Protein backbone atom coordinates (compact mmCIF):
# COMPACT_ATOMS: atom_id res chain seq x y z
CA UNK A 1 -8.69 -1.81 7.04
CA UNK A 2 -6.14 -4.37 5.93
CA UNK A 3 -3.08 -4.99 8.12
CA UNK A 4 0.26 -6.68 7.55
CA UNK A 5 3.39 -6.93 9.76
CA UNK A 6 6.83 -5.79 8.61
CA UNK A 7 10.14 -6.52 10.36
CA UNK A 8 13.24 -4.48 9.57
CA UNK A 9 16.19 -6.58 8.45
CA UNK A 10 19.83 -5.48 8.43
CA UNK A 11 19.53 -4.94 4.65
CA UNK A 12 16.74 -2.38 5.28
CA UNK A 13 18.94 -0.17 7.45
CA UNK A 14 20.71 2.95 6.16
CA UNK A 15 23.79 4.83 7.39
CA UNK A 16 21.66 6.55 10.05
CA UNK A 17 20.95 3.17 11.67
CA UNK A 18 17.25 2.96 10.81
CA UNK A 19 14.93 1.85 7.99
CA UNK A 20 15.80 3.64 4.75
CA UNK A 21 13.07 5.78 3.18
CA UNK A 22 13.17 3.65 0.01
CA UNK A 23 12.29 0.61 2.14
CA UNK A 24 9.17 2.36 3.46
CA UNK A 25 8.14 2.97 -0.17
CA UNK A 26 8.70 -0.72 -0.95
CA UNK A 27 6.59 -1.68 2.07
CA UNK A 28 3.82 0.67 0.90
CA UNK A 29 3.75 -1.22 -2.38
CA UNK A 30 3.94 -4.62 -0.68
CA UNK A 31 0.94 -3.95 1.56
CA UNK A 32 -1.08 -2.59 -1.37
CA UNK A 33 -0.33 -5.70 -3.44
CA UNK A 34 -1.24 -7.95 -0.50
CA UNK A 35 -4.52 -6.05 -0.02
CA UNK A 36 -5.32 -6.45 -3.74
CA UNK A 37 -4.57 -10.19 -3.57
CA UNK A 38 -6.82 -10.46 -0.50
CA UNK A 39 -9.82 -8.71 -2.12
CA UNK A 40 -9.60 -9.57 -5.83
CA UNK A 41 -10.78 -12.78 -7.43
CA UNK A 42 -8.24 -14.85 -9.37
CA UNK A 43 -9.98 -13.69 -12.57
CA UNK A 44 -9.60 -10.03 -11.59
CA UNK A 45 -5.95 -10.55 -10.72
CA UNK A 46 -5.41 -12.15 -14.13
CA UNK A 47 -7.21 -9.33 -15.97
CA UNK A 48 -5.96 -6.22 -14.13
CA UNK A 49 -3.01 -4.77 -12.27
CA UNK A 50 -2.32 -1.47 -10.51
CA UNK A 51 0.38 1.15 -10.95
CA UNK A 52 1.30 3.97 -8.60
CA UNK A 53 0.93 7.43 -10.06
CA UNK A 54 1.69 9.50 -6.95
CA UNK A 55 3.11 9.17 -3.41
CA UNK A 56 2.72 11.61 -0.52
CA UNK A 57 4.63 10.37 2.51
CA UNK A 58 5.19 11.79 5.99
CA UNK A 59 8.02 10.23 8.02
CA UNK A 60 7.38 10.60 11.76
CA UNK A 61 9.47 7.87 13.34
CA UNK A 62 11.58 4.89 12.46
CA UNK A 63 12.64 1.33 13.13
CA UNK A 64 15.98 -0.31 13.75
CA UNK A 65 16.99 -3.81 12.61
CA UNK A 66 14.82 -6.48 14.21
CA UNK A 67 11.99 -4.10 15.13
CA UNK A 68 8.49 -4.67 13.76
CA UNK A 69 5.79 -2.32 12.50
CA UNK A 70 2.22 -3.06 11.56
CA UNK A 71 1.20 -1.68 8.18
CA UNK A 72 -2.42 -0.59 7.82
CA UNK A 73 -4.07 0.30 4.53
CA UNK A 74 -7.53 1.37 3.44
CA UNK A 75 -9.39 3.13 0.65
CA UNK A 76 -11.57 5.91 2.04
CA UNK A 77 -13.17 7.39 -1.08
CA UNK A 78 -14.68 5.97 -4.28
CA UNK A 79 -12.42 5.82 -7.32
CA UNK A 80 -12.30 8.57 -9.90
CA UNK A 81 -12.29 6.67 -13.18
CA UNK A 82 -9.23 4.42 -13.16
CA UNK A 83 -7.70 5.98 -10.02
CA UNK A 84 -8.18 5.89 -6.29
CA UNK A 85 -6.23 7.07 -3.28
CA UNK A 86 -4.95 4.45 -0.87
CA UNK A 87 -4.10 5.43 2.69
CA UNK A 88 -1.25 3.64 4.44
CA UNK A 89 0.26 4.00 7.86
CA UNK A 90 2.83 2.07 9.85
CA UNK A 91 2.73 1.90 13.64
CA UNK A 92 5.27 0.43 16.03
CA UNK A 93 4.52 -2.14 18.75
CA UNK A 94 3.41 0.65 21.09
CA UNK A 95 0.99 2.10 18.54
CA UNK A 96 3.14 5.13 17.68
CA UNK A 97 2.69 6.23 14.07
CA UNK A 98 5.97 5.99 12.18
CA UNK A 99 4.96 6.69 8.60
CA UNK A 100 1.75 7.93 6.98
CA UNK A 101 1.14 7.98 3.24
CA UNK A 102 -1.50 8.61 0.62
CA UNK A 103 -0.74 6.97 -2.69
CA UNK A 104 -2.70 7.25 -5.91
CA UNK A 105 -3.11 4.04 -7.89
CA UNK A 106 -4.46 3.48 -11.40
CA UNK A 107 -6.05 0.25 -12.59
CA UNK A 108 -4.59 -1.14 -15.82
CA UNK A 109 -6.21 -3.72 -18.06
CA UNK A 110 -3.57 -6.38 -18.80
CA UNK A 111 -4.85 -7.17 -22.32
CA UNK A 112 -4.62 -3.59 -23.60
CA UNK A 113 -2.05 -2.13 -21.18
CA UNK A 114 -4.37 0.87 -20.78
CA UNK A 115 -6.02 2.40 -17.72
CA UNK A 116 -9.59 1.30 -17.13
CA UNK A 117 -12.40 2.55 -14.92
CA UNK A 118 -12.53 0.64 -11.62
CA UNK A 119 -15.67 -1.53 -11.75
CA UNK A 120 -18.25 -0.54 -9.11
CA UNK A 121 -18.39 -4.03 -7.58
CA UNK A 122 -14.62 -4.06 -7.12
CA UNK A 123 -14.58 -0.53 -5.69
CA UNK A 124 -17.29 -1.56 -3.22
CA UNK A 125 -15.05 -4.32 -1.84
CA UNK A 126 -12.21 -1.87 -1.23
CA UNK A 127 -14.52 0.68 0.39
CA UNK A 128 -16.07 -1.87 2.75
CA UNK A 129 -12.81 -3.61 3.70
């Protein structure tokens, strides 16, 4: 599991006084990109990138400006061709789950701009992390 902290800023807050749903989506992408940068070699990062093809998000709590959540992400199952499902959750300082998501990502080869099968050695790093 890969973790990353997030702190709500005043710009993240909506008219209800808590983090806007679009911000949670941005944070989901930010933690996924950070996880990729952590696991991939510089050569892999130069050759490939990921795009989101689907989000499924459950909102169970929220943050106000200045509050912090820990984002957690992991890949539980092997990829299916170019795609895999990434699990993400955000918990507050007390461990209460605020948001849970499953997002589907597809690997794209930079040179061709086309989806490509996730190499087994790369998939293994995600599955063991």
